Amino acid sequence: MKKHIGKNIAIGFVLGLLTNCIGSILYILLFSKYSIQTTINVALEEDVMGNIIGLGALLNLLLFFFFLKKNRYYRARGVIMATLIAAFLILGAKFY
């Protein structure tokens, strides 16, 4: 039984990271007039990459509530863990 719990949390975690990346790319594609690479380079130079990652993490909300609706609670926990990792990366980027 514990094997399945860890597997479900890992699946949710990986899907949360992927969803965050997809959300960030979607944000860039929809709201930036430059290419993805140019936007990322400018964001890194101007220290706003954390903002883009944070906006990309909004897509994790949909995934989280989808898993809750399907009673996949451990996968939802994995999504929350991925979101917290993104939050700590943003926090670290702001101070360093």
N, C-alpha and C. Protein backbone atom coordinates (compact mmCIF):
# COMPACT_ATOMS: atom_id res chain seq x y z
N MET A 1 0.82 -1.19 0.00
CA MET A 1 0.00 0.00 0.00
C MET A 1 0.86 1.26 0.00
N LYS A 2 1.94 1.28 0.80
CA LYS A 2 2.79 2.46 0.87
C LYS A 2 3.49 2.71 -0.46
N LYS A 3 3.72 1.66 -1.22
CA LYS A 3 4.36 1.81 -2.51
C LYS A 3 3.49 2.67 -3.44
N HIS A 4 2.21 2.46 -3.38
CA HIS A 4 1.29 3.20 -4.23
C HIS A 4 1.16 4.65 -3.78
N ILE A 5 1.27 4.88 -2.49
CA ILE A 5 1.18 6.25 -1.98
C ILE A 5 2.35 7.08 -2.50
N GLY A 6 3.56 6.56 -2.36
CA GLY A 6 4.73 7.27 -2.84
C GLY A 6 4.70 7.47 -4.35
N LYS A 7 4.21 6.46 -5.07
CA LYS A 7 4.12 6.57 -6.52
C LYS A 7 3.14 7.67 -6.91
N ASN A 8 2.00 7.75 -6.23
CA ASN A 8 1.00 8.76 -6.54
C ASN A 8 1.49 10.17 -6.20
N ILE A 9 2.20 10.29 -5.09
CA ILE A 9 2.77 11.60 -4.73
C ILE A 9 3.81 12.01 -5.77
N ALA A 10 4.64 11.07 -6.21
CA ALA A 10 5.66 11.36 -7.22
C ALA A 10 5.01 11.77 -8.55
N ILE A 11 3.94 11.09 -8.93
CA ILE A 11 3.23 11.44 -10.16
C ILE A 11 2.67 12.86 -10.05
N GLY A 12 2.05 13.18 -8.94
CA GLY A 12 1.52 14.52 -8.73
C GLY A 12 2.61 15.57 -8.73
N PHE A 13 3.76 15.24 -8.13
CA PHE A 13 4.88 16.17 -8.08
C PHE A 13 5.41 16.48 -9.49
N VAL A 14 5.63 15.44 -10.26
CA VAL A 14 6.15 15.62 -11.63
C VAL A 14 5.13 16.37 -12.48
N LEU A 15 3.86 16.00 -12.37
CA LEU A 15 2.83 16.72 -13.13
C LEU A 15 2.72 18.18 -12.69
N GLY A 16 2.92 18.44 -11.41
CA GLY A 16 2.91 19.81 -10.92
C GLY A 16 4.05 20.63 -11.49
N LEU A 17 5.24 20.04 -11.57
CA LEU A 17 6.39 20.73 -12.17
C LEU A 17 6.16 20.99 -13.65
N LEU A 18 5.66 19.97 -14.35
CA LEU A 18 5.39 20.13 -15.78
C LEU A 18 4.30 21.18 -16.04
N THR A 19 3.27 21.16 -15.22
CA THR A 19 2.19 22.14 -15.37
C THR A 19 2.71 23.54 -15.11
N ASN A 20 3.59 23.68 -14.15
CA ASN A 20 4.18 24.99 -13.87
C ASN A 20 4.99 25.48 -15.07
N CYS A 21 5.78 24.60 -15.68
CA CYS A 21 6.56 24.97 -16.86
C CYS A 21 5.64 25.33 -18.03
N ILE A 22 4.60 24.54 -18.23
CA ILE A 22 3.66 24.82 -19.31
C ILE A 22 2.95 26.14 -19.07
N GLY A 23 2.56 26.40 -17.82
CA GLY A 23 1.91 27.66 -17.49
C GLY A 23 2.81 28.85 -17.73
N SER A 24 4.08 28.71 -17.40
CA SER A 24 5.03 29.80 -17.64
C SER A 24 5.21 30.06 -19.14
N ILE A 25 5.32 29.00 -19.91
CA ILE A 25 5.47 29.15 -21.35
C ILE A 25 4.20 29.73 -21.97
N LEU A 26 3.04 29.28 -21.50
CA LEU A 26 1.78 29.86 -22.00
C LEU A 26 1.69 31.35 -21.69
N TYR A 27 2.11 31.72 -20.51
CA TYR A 27 2.10 33.14 -20.15
C TYR A 27 2.99 33.93 -21.10
N ILE A 28 4.18 33.41 -21.36
CA ILE A 28 5.11 34.10 -22.27
C ILE A 28 4.51 34.20 -23.67
N LEU A 29 3.94 33.10 -24.15
CA LEU A 29 3.38 33.10 -25.50
C LEU A 29 2.19 34.06 -25.63
N LEU A 30 1.37 34.13 -24.59
CA LEU A 30 0.17 34.96 -24.67
C LEU A 30 0.43 36.44 -24.44
N PHE A 31 1.38 36.77 -23.57
CA PHE A 31 1.52 38.15 -23.13
C PHE A 31 2.83 38.82 -23.50
N SER A 32 3.73 38.11 -24.14
CA SER A 32 5.00 38.72 -24.53
C SER A 32 5.03 38.88 -26.04
N LYS A 33 5.58 39.98 -26.48
CA LYS A 33 5.69 40.20 -27.92
C LYS A 33 7.00 39.65 -28.48
N TYR A 34 7.84 39.10 -27.62
CA TYR A 34 9.13 38.55 -28.02
C TYR A 34 9.07 37.03 -28.02
N SER A 35 10.13 36.40 -28.50
CA SER A 35 10.19 34.94 -28.49
C SER A 35 10.38 34.45 -27.05
N ILE A 36 10.22 33.15 -26.89
CA ILE A 36 10.36 32.56 -25.54
C ILE A 36 11.77 32.78 -25.02
N GLN A 37 12.78 32.49 -25.84
CA GLN A 37 14.17 32.63 -25.39
C GLN A 37 14.51 34.08 -25.05
N THR A 38 14.06 35.01 -25.88
CA THR A 38 14.33 36.43 -25.62
C THR A 38 13.65 36.87 -24.33
N THR A 39 12.41 36.45 -24.15
CA THR A 39 11.67 36.82 -22.95
C THR A 39 12.35 36.27 -21.69
N ILE A 40 12.81 35.03 -21.75
CA ILE A 40 13.49 34.43 -20.60
C ILE A 40 14.80 35.17 -20.31
N ASN A 41 15.54 35.51 -21.35
CA ASN A 41 16.80 36.25 -21.15
C ASN A 41 16.54 37.61 -20.52
N VAL A 42 15.54 38.32 -21.02
CA VAL A 42 15.21 39.63 -20.46
C VAL A 42 14.71 39.49 -19.02
N ALA A 43 13.91 38.46 -18.77
CA ALA A 43 13.38 38.24 -17.42
C ALA A 43 14.51 37.94 -16.43
N LEU A 44 15.49 37.19 -16.87
CA LEU A 44 16.64 36.90 -16.00
C LEU A 44 17.48 38.16 -15.75
N GLU A 45 17.65 38.98 -16.78
CA GLU A 45 18.43 40.21 -16.61
C GLU A 45 17.73 41.21 -15.70
N GLU A 46 16.42 41.27 -15.78
CA GLU A 46 15.66 42.24 -14.99
C GLU A 46 15.11 41.67 -13.68
N ASP A 47 15.52 40.47 -13.35
CA ASP A 47 15.10 39.79 -12.10
C ASP A 47 13.59 39.68 -11.96
N VAL A 48 12.90 39.32 -13.02
CA VAL A 48 11.46 39.11 -12.96
C VAL A 48 11.09 37.67 -13.33
N MET A 49 12.08 36.80 -13.39
CA MET A 49 11.80 35.39 -13.72
C MET A 49 10.92 34.75 -12.66
N GLY A 50 11.09 35.15 -11.42
CA GLY A 50 10.24 34.63 -10.35
C GLY A 50 8.78 34.97 -10.56
N ASN A 51 8.52 36.14 -11.10
CA ASN A 51 7.14 36.52 -11.39
C ASN A 51 6.53 35.63 -12.46
N ILE A 52 7.31 35.31 -13.47
CA ILE A 52 6.82 34.43 -14.53
C ILE A 52 6.57 33.03 -14.00
N ILE A 53 7.46 32.53 -13.16
CA ILE A 53 7.27 31.21 -12.56
C ILE A 53 6.02 31.21 -11.68
N GLY A 54 5.84 32.29 -10.92
CA GLY A 54 4.67 32.40 -10.06
C GLY A 54 3.37 32.42 -10.85
N LEU A 55 3.36 33.13 -11.95
CA LEU A 55 2.16 33.15 -12.79
C LEU A 55 1.93 31.80 -13.46
N GLY A 56 3.00 31.11 -13.78
CA GLY A 56 2.87 29.77 -14.34
C GLY A 56 2.31 28.78 -13.33
N ALA A 57 2.58 29.02 -12.07
CA ALA A 57 2.10 28.12 -11.01
C ALA A 57 0.59 28.23 -10.82
N LEU A 58 -0.02 29.26 -11.34
CA LEU A 58 -1.47 29.38 -11.24
C LEU A 58 -2.18 28.22 -11.94
N LEU A 59 -1.55 27.68 -12.96
CA LEU A 59 -2.13 26.54 -13.66
C LEU A 59 -2.18 25.30 -12.77
N ASN A 60 -1.32 25.26 -11.75
CA ASN A 60 -1.35 24.14 -10.80
C ASN A 60 -2.66 24.08 -10.03
N LEU A 61 -3.32 25.21 -9.88
CA LEU A 61 -4.63 25.21 -9.20
C LEU A 61 -5.62 24.31 -9.92
N LEU A 62 -5.64 24.41 -11.24
CA LEU A 62 -6.56 23.56 -12.01
C LEU A 62 -6.24 22.08 -11.83
N LEU A 63 -4.95 21.76 -11.88
CA LEU A 63 -4.53 20.37 -11.70
C LEU A 63 -4.87 19.88 -10.29
N PHE A 64 -4.62 20.73 -9.29
CA PHE A 64 -4.90 20.37 -7.90
C PHE A 64 -6.39 20.06 -7.70
N PHE A 65 -7.26 20.95 -8.19
CA PHE A 65 -8.69 20.72 -8.01
C PHE A 65 -9.20 19.57 -8.87
N PHE A 66 -8.56 19.32 -10.00
CA PHE A 66 -8.91 18.15 -10.81
C PHE A 66 -8.65 16.87 -10.03
N PHE A 67 -7.48 16.79 -9.40
CA PHE A 67 -7.15 15.60 -8.61
C PHE A 67 -8.08 15.47 -7.40
N LEU A 68 -8.44 16.57 -6.78
CA LEU A 68 -9.38 16.49 -5.65
C LEU A 68 -10.74 15.98 -6.11
N LYS A 69 -11.19 16.46 -7.26
CA LYS A 69 -12.50 16.04 -7.78
C LYS A 69 -12.50 14.54 -8.10
N LYS A 70 -11.36 14.03 -8.57
CA LYS A 70 -11.24 12.61 -8.90
C LYS A 70 -10.83 11.74 -7.71
N ASN A 71 -10.80 12.33 -6.51
CA ASN A 71 -10.42 11.63 -5.27
C ASN A 71 -8.99 11.06 -5.34
N ARG A 72 -8.11 11.77 -5.98
CA ARG A 72 -6.69 11.39 -6.05
C ARG A 72 -5.92 12.31 -5.10
N TYR A 73 -6.12 12.08 -3.82
CA TYR A 73 -5.60 12.99 -2.80
C TYR A 73 -4.08 13.00 -2.73
N TYR A 74 -3.45 11.85 -2.95
CA TYR A 74 -1.99 11.81 -2.87
C TYR A 74 -1.36 12.51 -4.08
N ARG A 75 -1.99 12.42 -5.21
CA ARG A 75 -1.50 13.16 -6.37
C ARG A 75 -1.67 14.66 -6.14
N ALA A 76 -2.76 15.05 -5.51
CA ALA A 76 -2.96 16.46 -5.17
C ALA A 76 -1.88 16.94 -4.20
N ARG A 77 -1.48 16.07 -3.28
CA ARG A 77 -0.37 16.42 -2.37
C ARG A 77 0.92 16.65 -3.14
N GLY A 78 1.16 15.84 -4.15
CA GLY A 78 2.35 16.00 -4.98
C GLY A 78 2.34 17.34 -5.72
N VAL A 79 1.16 17.76 -6.18
CA VAL A 79 1.05 19.05 -6.86
C VAL A 79 1.35 20.17 -5.88
N ILE A 80 0.86 20.05 -4.66
CA ILE A 80 1.14 21.06 -3.64
C ILE A 80 2.64 21.11 -3.34
N MET A 81 3.28 19.95 -3.27
CA MET A 81 4.73 19.92 -3.04
C MET A 81 5.48 20.62 -4.17
N ALA A 82 5.07 20.39 -5.42
CA ALA A 82 5.72 21.04 -6.56
C ALA A 82 5.52 22.55 -6.51
N THR A 83 4.33 22.97 -6.09
CA THR A 83 4.05 24.40 -5.97
C THR A 83 4.90 25.03 -4.87
N LEU A 84 5.08 24.32 -3.77
CA LEU A 84 5.93 24.83 -2.70
C LEU A 84 7.39 24.92 -3.13
N ILE A 85 7.85 23.96 -3.91
CA ILE A 85 9.22 24.01 -4.44
C ILE A 85 9.37 25.25 -5.32
N ALA A 86 8.37 25.51 -6.17
CA ALA A 86 8.41 26.71 -7.02
C ALA A 86 8.43 27.97 -6.16
N ALA A 87 7.66 27.97 -5.09
CA ALA A 87 7.62 29.14 -4.21
C ALA A 87 8.98 29.37 -3.55
N PHE A 88 9.64 28.30 -3.12
CA PHE A 88 10.96 28.44 -2.50
C PHE A 88 12.00 28.88 -3.53
N LEU A 89 11.87 28.42 -4.77
CA LEU A 89 12.78 28.88 -5.82
C LEU A 89 12.60 30.37 -6.08
N ILE A 90 11.36 30.82 -6.09
CA ILE A 90 11.08 32.24 -6.28
C ILE A 90 11.65 33.04 -5.11
N LEU A 91 11.43 32.54 -3.91
CA LEU A 91 11.94 33.22 -2.72
C LEU A 91 13.47 33.30 -2.75
N GLY A 92 14.10 32.21 -3.11
CA GLY A 92 15.56 32.19 -3.22
C GLY A 92 16.07 33.14 -4.28
N ALA A 93 15.36 33.22 -5.40
CA ALA A 93 15.77 34.11 -6.49
C ALA A 93 15.65 35.57 -6.08
N LYS A 94 14.71 35.88 -5.23
CA LYS A 94 14.52 37.26 -4.80
C LYS A 94 15.64 37.74 -3.88
N PHE A 95 16.21 36.82 -3.10
CA PHE A 95 17.24 37.20 -2.13
C PHE A 95 18.66 36.99 -2.60
N TYR A 96 18.86 36.22 -3.68
CA TYR A 96 20.22 35.95 -4.13
C TYR A 96 20.44 36.39 -5.53
